[in-house]
Amino acid sequence: MTQDAFQETVFVLKDEMYRFAKKFVRSSDEAQDIVQDLMVKFWQKKQELAEYKNLKSFALKCVKNECLNRLKHENVKLGFASFSLHRSEQYHEETNNLKDYILKFIDQLPEKQKLVIHLKDVEEFDVAEICEILQMEANAVRVNLNRAREKVRAQITQLMNYEQRDLSRDL
C-alpha cells in the first residue's frame, strides 16, 4: 500500500476513530493518543490492511480494543476517575440547554447501550456495521438501541415535566 492509498483508505477514518475513542476514555488527549498510536500500527502493517473487506469496522474494533486495554491500566483509571469527577462538577451547573441534558442522559446509560446509541444516532452506522464493530448479534444491537432510546426519552420527559412544574409555581 502506498502512502497515497493509505491516506485515502485509512487516514480518512481518524476523525471517526477519535470520536469513538473519546466515548470510552472521555479525554480528548487520551483519545488523540490512541488514534495516533493506531495510525502508526496501521502504517507498520499497511500491506496486511488490504485483506480486510470493511476497513472502517476493523479500525473501530481496534479503537475499542485499545481503549479497553488502556482503561485496564491503573494509572489511566485514576486519571479517568479524576476527569469524571471534574466533568460531573461541570454538569451540576444550571443549564437550560437540552442538548447538554441529552448528552448527560446518554452518558449515564450502561456501556453497551451508550456505545450502540452513539454509533447509530451520532455516527449514523447501520445495524450490520455496529454488529461487526461491537461483535454483537443484530437483535442484541436493536434491543440495546431501543432500551437506550427509551431511557433517554423517559429522562427527557421527566425533565420537561419538572421544568413545567417549576414554571407553574413561579406564576
N, C-alpha and C. Protein backbone atom coordinates (compact mmCIF):
# COMPACT_ATOMS: atom_id res chain seq x y z
N MET A 1 0.85 -1.17 0.00
CA MET A 1 0.00 0.00 0.00
C MET A 1 0.90 1.24 0.00
N THR A 2 0.62 2.15 -0.89
CA THR A 2 1.41 3.37 -0.98
C THR A 2 0.94 4.38 0.06
N GLN A 3 1.71 5.43 0.21
CA GLN A 3 1.36 6.47 1.16
C GLN A 3 0.04 7.14 0.76
N ASP A 4 -0.15 7.38 -0.53
CA ASP A 4 -1.40 7.99 -1.01
C ASP A 4 -2.58 7.07 -0.75
N ALA A 5 -2.42 5.79 -1.02
CA ALA A 5 -3.51 4.83 -0.77
C ALA A 5 -3.82 4.76 0.72
N PHE A 6 -2.80 4.80 1.54
CA PHE A 6 -3.00 4.78 2.99
C PHE A 6 -3.81 6.00 3.43
N GLN A 7 -3.46 7.16 2.91
CA GLN A 7 -4.19 8.38 3.28
C GLN A 7 -5.63 8.33 2.82
N GLU A 8 -5.89 7.73 1.67
CA GLU A 8 -7.25 7.68 1.13
C GLU A 8 -8.12 6.62 1.79
N THR A 9 -7.50 5.57 2.33
CA THR A 9 -8.30 4.49 2.91
C THR A 9 -8.29 4.46 4.43
N VAL A 10 -7.14 4.72 5.04
CA VAL A 10 -7.02 4.58 6.49
C VAL A 10 -7.06 5.93 7.19
N PHE A 11 -6.27 6.86 6.71
CA PHE A 11 -6.13 8.14 7.39
C PHE A 11 -7.44 8.92 7.44
N VAL A 12 -8.32 8.71 6.46
CA VAL A 12 -9.61 9.41 6.44
C VAL A 12 -10.52 8.97 7.59
N LEU A 13 -10.19 7.86 8.23
CA LEU A 13 -11.01 7.34 9.33
C LEU A 13 -10.63 7.94 10.68
N LYS A 14 -9.61 8.78 10.73
CA LYS A 14 -9.07 9.26 12.01
C LYS A 14 -10.11 10.02 12.83
N ASP A 15 -10.97 10.82 12.20
CA ASP A 15 -11.96 11.58 12.96
C ASP A 15 -12.99 10.67 13.62
N GLU A 16 -13.46 9.69 12.87
CA GLU A 16 -14.41 8.73 13.44
C GLU A 16 -13.76 7.92 14.54
N MET A 17 -12.52 7.53 14.35
CA MET A 17 -11.79 6.78 15.36
C MET A 17 -11.65 7.62 16.63
N TYR A 18 -11.35 8.89 16.46
CA TYR A 18 -11.20 9.80 17.60
C TYR A 18 -12.50 9.92 18.39
N ARG A 19 -13.60 10.17 17.68
CA ARG A 19 -14.89 10.32 18.38
C ARG A 19 -15.26 9.04 19.12
N PHE A 20 -15.00 7.90 18.51
CA PHE A 20 -15.32 6.63 19.14
C PHE A 20 -14.42 6.40 20.36
N ALA A 21 -13.16 6.72 20.24
CA ALA A 21 -12.23 6.56 21.37
C ALA A 21 -12.63 7.49 22.51
N LYS A 22 -13.06 8.67 22.17
CA LYS A 22 -13.43 9.64 23.21
C LYS A 22 -14.63 9.16 24.01
N LYS A 23 -15.50 8.39 23.40
CA LYS A 23 -16.64 7.82 24.13
C LYS A 23 -16.17 6.87 25.23
N PHE A 24 -15.06 6.21 25.01
CA PHE A 24 -14.52 5.28 26.01
C PHE A 24 -13.73 6.02 27.08
N VAL A 25 -12.76 6.80 26.66
CA VAL A 25 -11.80 7.37 27.61
C VAL A 25 -12.19 8.76 28.08
N ARG A 26 -13.08 9.42 27.38
CA ARG A 26 -13.61 10.73 27.73
C ARG A 26 -12.58 11.84 27.83
N SER A 27 -11.38 11.57 27.45
CA SER A 27 -10.33 12.57 27.46
C SER A 27 -9.88 12.81 26.03
N SER A 28 -9.92 14.05 25.62
CA SER A 28 -9.51 14.39 24.25
C SER A 28 -8.07 13.98 23.98
N ASP A 29 -7.20 14.28 24.94
CA ASP A 29 -5.79 13.95 24.77
C ASP A 29 -5.57 12.45 24.66
N GLU A 30 -6.22 11.70 25.54
CA GLU A 30 -6.07 10.24 25.53
C GLU A 30 -6.62 9.66 24.23
N ALA A 31 -7.77 10.19 23.77
CA ALA A 31 -8.36 9.71 22.52
C ALA A 31 -7.43 10.00 21.34
N GLN A 32 -6.82 11.18 21.33
CA GLN A 32 -5.88 11.51 20.26
C GLN A 32 -4.66 10.59 20.30
N ASP A 33 -4.18 10.29 21.50
CA ASP A 33 -3.04 9.37 21.64
C ASP A 33 -3.38 7.99 21.09
N ILE A 34 -4.57 7.53 21.39
CA ILE A 34 -5.00 6.21 20.92
C ILE A 34 -5.03 6.17 19.40
N VAL A 35 -5.64 7.19 18.80
CA VAL A 35 -5.75 7.24 17.34
C VAL A 35 -4.35 7.33 16.71
N GLN A 36 -3.52 8.16 17.29
CA GLN A 36 -2.16 8.30 16.74
C GLN A 36 -1.39 6.97 16.84
N ASP A 37 -1.48 6.30 17.98
CA ASP A 37 -0.81 5.01 18.14
C ASP A 37 -1.33 3.99 17.13
N LEU A 38 -2.64 3.98 16.93
CA LEU A 38 -3.21 3.03 15.99
C LEU A 38 -2.81 3.36 14.55
N MET A 39 -2.72 4.64 14.23
CA MET A 39 -2.29 5.01 12.88
C MET A 39 -0.86 4.53 12.62
N VAL A 40 -0.01 4.62 13.63
CA VAL A 40 1.36 4.13 13.48
C VAL A 40 1.35 2.62 13.27
N LYS A 41 0.54 1.92 14.06
CA LYS A 41 0.44 0.46 13.92
C LYS A 41 -0.11 0.08 12.55
N PHE A 42 -1.13 0.83 12.09
CA PHE A 42 -1.71 0.55 10.78
C PHE A 42 -0.66 0.78 9.68
N TRP A 43 0.12 1.83 9.82
CA TRP A 43 1.14 2.11 8.82
C TRP A 43 2.17 0.99 8.79
N GLN A 44 2.55 0.50 9.96
CA GLN A 44 3.52 -0.58 10.02
C GLN A 44 2.98 -1.87 9.40
N LYS A 45 1.67 -2.05 9.45
CA LYS A 45 1.04 -3.25 8.90
C LYS A 45 0.22 -2.92 7.65
N LYS A 46 0.63 -1.89 6.92
CA LYS A 46 -0.16 -1.40 5.79
C LYS A 46 -0.43 -2.44 4.71
N GLN A 47 0.48 -3.38 4.52
CA GLN A 47 0.28 -4.40 3.49
C GLN A 47 -0.83 -5.38 3.89
N GLU A 48 -0.97 -5.62 5.18
CA GLU A 48 -1.99 -6.56 5.66
C GLU A 48 -3.38 -5.94 5.67
N LEU A 49 -3.48 -4.61 5.68
CA LEU A 49 -4.78 -3.94 5.75
C LEU A 49 -5.63 -4.20 4.51
N ALA A 50 -5.01 -4.47 3.39
CA ALA A 50 -5.74 -4.71 2.15
C ALA A 50 -6.60 -5.97 2.24
N GLU A 51 -6.29 -6.86 3.17
CA GLU A 51 -7.03 -8.11 3.32
C GLU A 51 -8.40 -7.91 3.95
N TYR A 52 -8.62 -6.79 4.62
CA TYR A 52 -9.88 -6.55 5.32
C TYR A 52 -10.92 -5.98 4.37
N LYS A 53 -12.10 -6.60 4.39
CA LYS A 53 -13.18 -6.15 3.50
C LYS A 53 -13.74 -4.80 3.95
N ASN A 54 -13.96 -4.66 5.27
CA ASN A 54 -14.51 -3.43 5.81
C ASN A 54 -13.47 -2.81 6.74
N LEU A 55 -12.68 -1.94 6.19
CA LEU A 55 -11.57 -1.34 6.94
C LEU A 55 -12.08 -0.45 8.07
N LYS A 56 -13.22 0.20 7.86
CA LYS A 56 -13.77 1.07 8.90
C LYS A 56 -14.15 0.27 10.13
N SER A 57 -14.81 -0.85 9.94
CA SER A 57 -15.18 -1.70 11.06
C SER A 57 -13.95 -2.24 11.78
N PHE A 58 -12.95 -2.63 11.00
CA PHE A 58 -11.71 -3.13 11.60
C PHE A 58 -11.04 -2.03 12.43
N ALA A 59 -10.98 -0.83 11.89
CA ALA A 59 -10.33 0.27 12.60
C ALA A 59 -11.07 0.60 13.90
N LEU A 60 -12.39 0.63 13.86
CA LEU A 60 -13.15 0.94 15.06
C LEU A 60 -13.07 -0.19 16.09
N LYS A 61 -12.96 -1.42 15.60
CA LYS A 61 -12.75 -2.55 16.51
C LYS A 61 -11.40 -2.41 17.22
N CYS A 62 -10.40 -1.99 16.47
CA CYS A 62 -9.07 -1.76 17.05
C CYS A 62 -9.12 -0.63 18.08
N VAL A 63 -9.88 0.41 17.79
CA VAL A 63 -10.03 1.52 18.74
C VAL A 63 -10.66 1.00 20.03
N LYS A 64 -11.73 0.22 19.89
CA LYS A 64 -12.40 -0.32 21.07
C LYS A 64 -11.43 -1.16 21.91
N ASN A 65 -10.71 -2.03 21.26
CA ASN A 65 -9.78 -2.90 21.98
C ASN A 65 -8.66 -2.10 22.65
N GLU A 66 -8.13 -1.13 21.94
CA GLU A 66 -7.06 -0.31 22.51
C GLU A 66 -7.57 0.50 23.70
N CYS A 67 -8.76 1.03 23.59
CA CYS A 67 -9.34 1.79 24.71
C CYS A 67 -9.54 0.90 25.93
N LEU A 68 -10.07 -0.28 25.70
CA LEU A 68 -10.29 -1.20 26.81
C LEU A 68 -8.96 -1.60 27.46
N ASN A 69 -7.95 -1.82 26.65
CA ASN A 69 -6.63 -2.15 27.20
C ASN A 69 -6.09 -1.01 28.05
N ARG A 70 -6.24 0.20 27.59
CA ARG A 70 -5.73 1.34 28.35
C ARG A 70 -6.53 1.57 29.62
N LEU A 71 -7.82 1.34 29.56
CA LEU A 71 -8.64 1.55 30.76
C LEU A 71 -8.32 0.53 31.84
N LYS A 72 -7.78 -0.61 31.45
CA LYS A 72 -7.40 -1.61 32.43
C LYS A 72 -6.17 -1.17 33.23
N HIS A 73 -5.40 -0.33 32.65
CA HIS A 73 -4.18 0.12 33.31
C HIS A 73 -4.55 1.04 34.48
N GLU A 74 -3.96 0.84 35.63
CA GLU A 74 -4.36 1.54 36.85
C GLU A 74 -4.20 3.05 36.78
N ASN A 75 -3.10 3.53 36.22
CA ASN A 75 -2.90 4.97 36.14
C ASN A 75 -3.96 5.65 35.29
N VAL A 76 -4.37 4.99 34.23
CA VAL A 76 -5.41 5.56 33.39
C VAL A 76 -6.74 5.58 34.13
N LYS A 77 -6.99 4.54 34.93
CA LYS A 77 -8.22 4.51 35.72
C LYS A 77 -8.27 5.69 36.68
N LEU A 78 -7.15 5.98 37.32
CA LEU A 78 -7.12 7.10 38.27
C LEU A 78 -7.34 8.43 37.55
N GLY A 79 -6.69 8.59 36.41
CA GLY A 79 -6.88 9.81 35.63
C GLY A 79 -8.30 9.94 35.13
N PHE A 80 -8.88 8.83 34.72
CA PHE A 80 -10.27 8.81 34.25
C PHE A 80 -11.21 9.18 35.37
N ALA A 81 -10.99 8.67 36.57
CA ALA A 81 -11.85 8.97 37.71
C ALA A 81 -11.78 10.45 38.05
N SER A 82 -10.59 11.01 38.03
CA SER A 82 -10.45 12.42 38.35
C SER A 82 -11.10 13.28 37.27
N PHE A 83 -10.98 12.88 36.00
CA PHE A 83 -11.63 13.63 34.92
C PHE A 83 -13.14 13.53 35.02
N SER A 84 -13.65 12.36 35.37
CA SER A 84 -15.10 12.18 35.52
C SER A 84 -15.64 13.05 36.64
N LEU A 85 -14.89 13.15 37.73
CA LEU A 85 -15.31 13.99 38.85
C LEU A 85 -15.38 15.44 38.40
N HIS A 86 -14.36 15.89 37.67
CA HIS A 86 -14.35 17.25 37.17
C HIS A 86 -15.53 17.49 36.23
N ARG A 87 -15.80 16.51 35.38
CA ARG A 87 -16.90 16.62 34.43
C ARG A 87 -18.25 16.66 35.15
N SER A 88 -18.42 15.85 36.21
CA SER A 88 -19.69 15.85 36.92
C SER A 88 -19.92 17.18 37.63
N GLU A 89 -18.85 17.84 38.08
CA GLU A 89 -18.99 19.16 38.70
C GLU A 89 -19.49 20.17 37.67
N GLN A 90 -19.04 20.04 36.44
CA GLN A 90 -19.50 20.95 35.41
C GLN A 90 -20.99 20.76 35.14
N TYR A 91 -21.46 19.51 35.20
CA TYR A 91 -22.87 19.24 34.91
C TYR A 91 -23.79 19.68 36.04
N HIS A 92 -23.25 19.94 37.21
CA HIS A 92 -24.09 20.41 38.31
C HIS A 92 -24.49 21.87 38.13
N GLU A 93 -23.79 22.57 37.25
CA GLU A 93 -24.15 23.95 36.97
C GLU A 93 -25.51 23.97 36.28
N GLU A 94 -26.26 25.04 36.56
CA GLU A 94 -27.56 25.17 35.93
C GLU A 94 -27.41 25.38 34.44
N THR A 95 -28.17 24.63 33.65
CA THR A 95 -28.16 24.83 32.20
C THR A 95 -29.54 24.54 31.66
N ASN A 96 -29.94 25.30 30.69
CA ASN A 96 -31.23 25.09 30.04
C ASN A 96 -31.07 24.47 28.67
N ASN A 97 -29.87 24.05 28.36
CA ASN A 97 -29.59 23.51 27.04
C ASN A 97 -29.98 22.02 26.99
N LEU A 98 -31.00 21.70 26.24
CA LEU A 98 -31.49 20.33 26.16
C LEU A 98 -30.42 19.37 25.63
N LYS A 99 -29.58 19.85 24.72
CA LYS A 99 -28.53 19.00 24.18
C LYS A 99 -27.59 18.53 25.29
N ASP A 100 -27.25 19.42 26.20
CA ASP A 100 -26.39 19.03 27.32
C ASP A 100 -27.06 17.97 28.18
N TYR A 101 -28.35 18.13 28.40
CA TYR A 101 -29.07 17.13 29.20
C TYR A 101 -29.10 15.78 28.47
N ILE A 102 -29.34 15.81 27.18
CA ILE A 102 -29.40 14.56 26.41
C ILE A 102 -28.05 13.85 26.46
N LEU A 103 -26.98 14.60 26.27
CA LEU A 103 -25.65 14.00 26.35
C LEU A 103 -25.40 13.44 27.75
N LYS A 104 -25.87 14.13 28.76
CA LYS A 104 -25.73 13.64 30.14
C LYS A 104 -26.52 12.34 30.32
N PHE A 105 -27.73 12.31 29.79
CA PHE A 105 -28.56 11.11 29.90
C PHE A 105 -27.91 9.93 29.19
N ILE A 106 -27.37 10.17 28.00
CA ILE A 106 -26.69 9.12 27.24
C ILE A 106 -25.46 8.64 28.01
N ASP A 107 -24.75 9.57 28.60
CA ASP A 107 -23.54 9.23 29.34
C ASP A 107 -23.84 8.34 30.55
N GLN A 108 -25.05 8.41 31.07
CA GLN A 108 -25.44 7.62 32.24
C GLN A 108 -25.91 6.21 31.88
N LEU A 109 -26.05 5.94 30.61
CA LEU A 109 -26.52 4.63 30.16
C LEU A 109 -25.46 3.57 30.43
N PRO A 110 -25.89 2.32 30.52
CA PRO A 110 -24.91 1.23 30.60
C PRO A 110 -24.01 1.25 29.36
N GLU A 111 -22.81 0.74 29.48
CA GLU A 111 -21.79 0.88 28.45
C GLU A 111 -22.25 0.40 27.06
N LYS A 112 -22.87 -0.77 26.98
CA LYS A 112 -23.30 -1.29 25.66
C LYS A 112 -24.34 -0.36 25.03
N GLN A 113 -25.29 0.08 25.84
CA GLN A 113 -26.33 0.96 25.31
C GLN A 113 -25.73 2.30 24.87
N LYS A 114 -24.78 2.79 25.63
CA LYS A 114 -24.13 4.06 25.29
C LYS A 114 -23.39 3.93 23.96
N LEU A 115 -22.67 2.84 23.78
CA LEU A 115 -21.92 2.65 22.54
C LEU A 115 -22.85 2.47 21.35
N VAL A 116 -23.90 1.69 21.53
CA VAL A 116 -24.84 1.43 20.43
C VAL A 116 -25.54 2.72 20.01
N ILE A 117 -26.02 3.50 20.97
CA ILE A 117 -26.74 4.73 20.61
C ILE A 117 -25.79 5.74 19.98
N HIS A 118 -24.54 5.76 20.43
CA HIS A 118 -23.56 6.66 19.81
C HIS A 118 -23.28 6.26 18.36
N LEU A 119 -23.03 4.98 18.15
CA LEU A 119 -22.72 4.52 16.79
C LEU A 119 -23.91 4.70 15.85
N LYS A 120 -25.11 4.47 16.35
CA LYS A 120 -26.30 4.54 15.48
C LYS A 120 -26.75 5.99 15.27
N ASP A 121 -26.92 6.74 16.35
CA ASP A 121 -27.54 8.06 16.24
C ASP A 121 -26.55 9.20 16.04
N VAL A 122 -25.31 9.03 16.45
CA VAL A 122 -24.32 10.09 16.26
C VAL A 122 -23.47 9.81 15.03
N GLU A 123 -22.89 8.62 14.97
CA GLU A 123 -22.03 8.27 13.85
C GLU A 123 -22.81 7.77 12.63
N GLU A 124 -24.09 7.44 12.82
CA GLU A 124 -25.00 7.01 11.76
C GLU A 124 -24.56 5.73 11.06
N PHE A 125 -24.06 4.77 11.83
CA PHE A 125 -23.75 3.45 11.29
C PHE A 125 -25.04 2.66 11.19
N ASP A 126 -25.07 1.71 10.25
CA ASP A 126 -26.23 0.83 10.21
C ASP A 126 -26.01 -0.34 11.18
N VAL A 127 -27.06 -1.08 11.43
CA VAL A 127 -27.03 -2.13 12.45
C VAL A 127 -25.96 -3.18 12.12
N ALA A 128 -25.81 -3.52 10.86
CA ALA A 128 -24.82 -4.54 10.48
C ALA A 128 -23.40 -4.09 10.83
N GLU A 129 -23.10 -2.82 10.58
CA GLU A 129 -21.77 -2.31 10.92
C GLU A 129 -21.56 -2.28 12.43
N ILE A 130 -22.59 -1.92 13.17
CA ILE A 130 -22.49 -1.89 14.63
C ILE A 130 -22.26 -3.31 15.15
N CYS A 131 -22.94 -4.28 14.56
CA CYS A 131 -22.75 -5.69 14.95
C CYS A 131 -21.29 -6.08 14.78
N GLU A 132 -20.72 -5.69 13.67
CA GLU A 132 -19.34 -6.06 13.38
C GLU A 132 -18.36 -5.36 14.32
N ILE A 133 -18.61 -4.06 14.58
CA ILE A 133 -17.71 -3.28 15.43
C ILE A 133 -17.74 -3.79 16.87
N LEU A 134 -18.95 -3.99 17.40
CA LEU A 134 -19.09 -4.36 18.81
C LEU A 134 -19.15 -5.88 19.01
N GLN A 135 -19.11 -6.62 17.91
CA GLN A 135 -19.18 -8.08 17.96
C GLN A 135 -20.41 -8.54 18.75
N MET A 136 -21.57 -8.04 18.30
CA MET A 136 -22.84 -8.37 18.91
C MET A 136 -23.79 -8.87 17.82
N GLU A 137 -24.78 -9.62 18.23
CA GLU A 137 -25.83 -10.06 17.30
C GLU A 137 -26.70 -8.86 16.93
N ALA A 138 -27.31 -8.90 15.77
CA ALA A 138 -28.16 -7.80 15.31
C ALA A 138 -29.32 -7.56 16.26
N ASN A 139 -29.91 -8.64 16.76
CA ASN A 139 -31.02 -8.50 17.69
C ASN A 139 -30.58 -7.81 18.98
N ALA A 140 -29.39 -8.16 19.46
CA ALA A 140 -28.87 -7.53 20.68
C ALA A 140 -28.61 -6.04 20.45
N VAL A 141 -28.13 -5.68 19.27
CA VAL A 141 -27.90 -4.26 18.96
C VAL A 141 -29.24 -3.53 18.97
N ARG A 142 -30.24 -4.11 18.32
CA ARG A 142 -31.56 -3.46 18.26
C ARG A 142 -32.17 -3.32 19.66
N VAL A 143 -32.06 -4.36 20.47
CA VAL A 143 -32.60 -4.32 21.83
C VAL A 143 -31.90 -3.23 22.65
N ASN A 144 -30.57 -3.20 22.59
CA ASN A 144 -29.82 -2.19 23.34
C ASN A 144 -30.14 -0.78 22.85
N LEU A 145 -30.28 -0.61 21.55
CA LEU A 145 -30.62 0.69 21.00
C LEU A 145 -32.01 1.12 21.46
N ASN A 146 -32.95 0.21 21.40
CA ASN A 146 -34.32 0.52 21.83
C ASN A 146 -34.36 0.88 23.31
N ARG A 147 -33.68 0.10 24.13
CA ARG A 147 -33.66 0.38 25.57
C ARG A 147 -32.99 1.72 25.86
N ALA A 148 -31.91 1.99 25.17
CA ALA A 148 -31.20 3.26 25.37
C ALA A 148 -32.10 4.44 25.00
N ARG A 149 -32.75 4.34 23.86
CA ARG A 149 -33.63 5.43 23.42
C ARG A 149 -34.80 5.61 24.38
N GLU A 150 -35.35 4.51 24.86
CA GLU A 150 -36.46 4.61 25.81
C GLU A 150 -36.03 5.27 27.11
N LYS A 151 -34.85 4.91 27.61
CA LYS A 151 -34.35 5.52 28.85
C LYS A 151 -34.12 7.02 28.66
N VAL A 152 -33.51 7.39 27.55
CA VAL A 152 -33.25 8.81 27.29
C VAL A 152 -34.58 9.55 27.13
N ARG A 153 -35.51 8.96 26.40
CA ARG A 153 -36.82 9.58 26.20
C ARG A 153 -37.54 9.78 27.54
N ALA A 154 -37.47 8.77 28.42
CA ALA A 154 -38.12 8.88 29.73
C ALA A 154 -37.49 9.98 30.56
N GLN A 155 -36.17 10.10 30.50
CA GLN A 155 -35.49 11.13 31.28
C GLN A 155 -35.80 12.53 30.72
N ILE A 156 -35.92 12.65 29.41
CA ILE A 156 -36.28 13.94 28.82
C ILE A 156 -37.71 14.31 29.22
N THR A 157 -38.61 13.34 29.18
CA THR A 157 -39.99 13.59 29.60
C THR A 157 -40.05 14.02 31.05
N GLN A 158 -39.31 13.33 31.90
CA GLN A 158 -39.26 13.67 33.32
C GLN A 158 -38.70 15.09 33.50
N LEU A 159 -37.67 15.43 32.76
CA LEU A 159 -37.08 16.77 32.84
C LEU A 159 -38.08 17.82 32.41
N MET A 160 -38.78 17.57 31.32
CA MET A 160 -39.76 18.54 30.82
C MET A 160 -40.90 18.72 31.82
N ASN A 161 -41.37 17.61 32.39
CA ASN A 161 -42.44 17.70 33.39
C ASN A 161 -41.97 18.49 34.61
N TYR A 162 -40.73 18.30 35.03
CA TYR A 162 -40.16 19.01 36.16
C TYR A 162 -40.07 20.50 35.87
N GLU A 163 -39.60 20.84 34.67
CA GLU A 163 -39.47 22.25 34.31
C GLU A 163 -40.83 22.92 34.21
N GLN A 164 -41.84 22.22 33.71
CA GLN A 164 -43.18 22.79 33.63
C GLN A 164 -43.74 23.01 35.03
N ARG A 165 -43.46 22.10 35.95
CA ARG A 165 -43.93 22.22 37.33
C ARG A 165 -43.27 23.44 37.97
N ASP A 166 -41.99 23.66 37.73
CA ASP A 166 -41.29 24.82 38.27
C ASP A 166 -41.86 26.11 37.70
N LEU A 167 -42.20 26.12 36.43
CA LEU A 167 -42.77 27.32 35.81
C LEU A 167 -44.14 27.63 36.39
N SER A 168 -44.96 26.61 36.65
CA SER A 168 -46.29 26.85 37.18
C SER A 168 -46.23 27.40 38.60
N ARG A 169 -45.20 27.01 39.35
CA ARG A 169 -45.03 27.55 40.71
C ARG A 169 -44.68 29.03 40.68
N ASP A 170 -43.88 29.42 39.66
CA ASP A 170 -43.45 30.81 39.57
C ASP A 170 -44.60 31.72 39.17
N LEU A 171 -45.62 31.20 38.52
CA LEU A 171 -46.75 32.03 38.05
C LEU A 171 -47.68 32.28 39.15
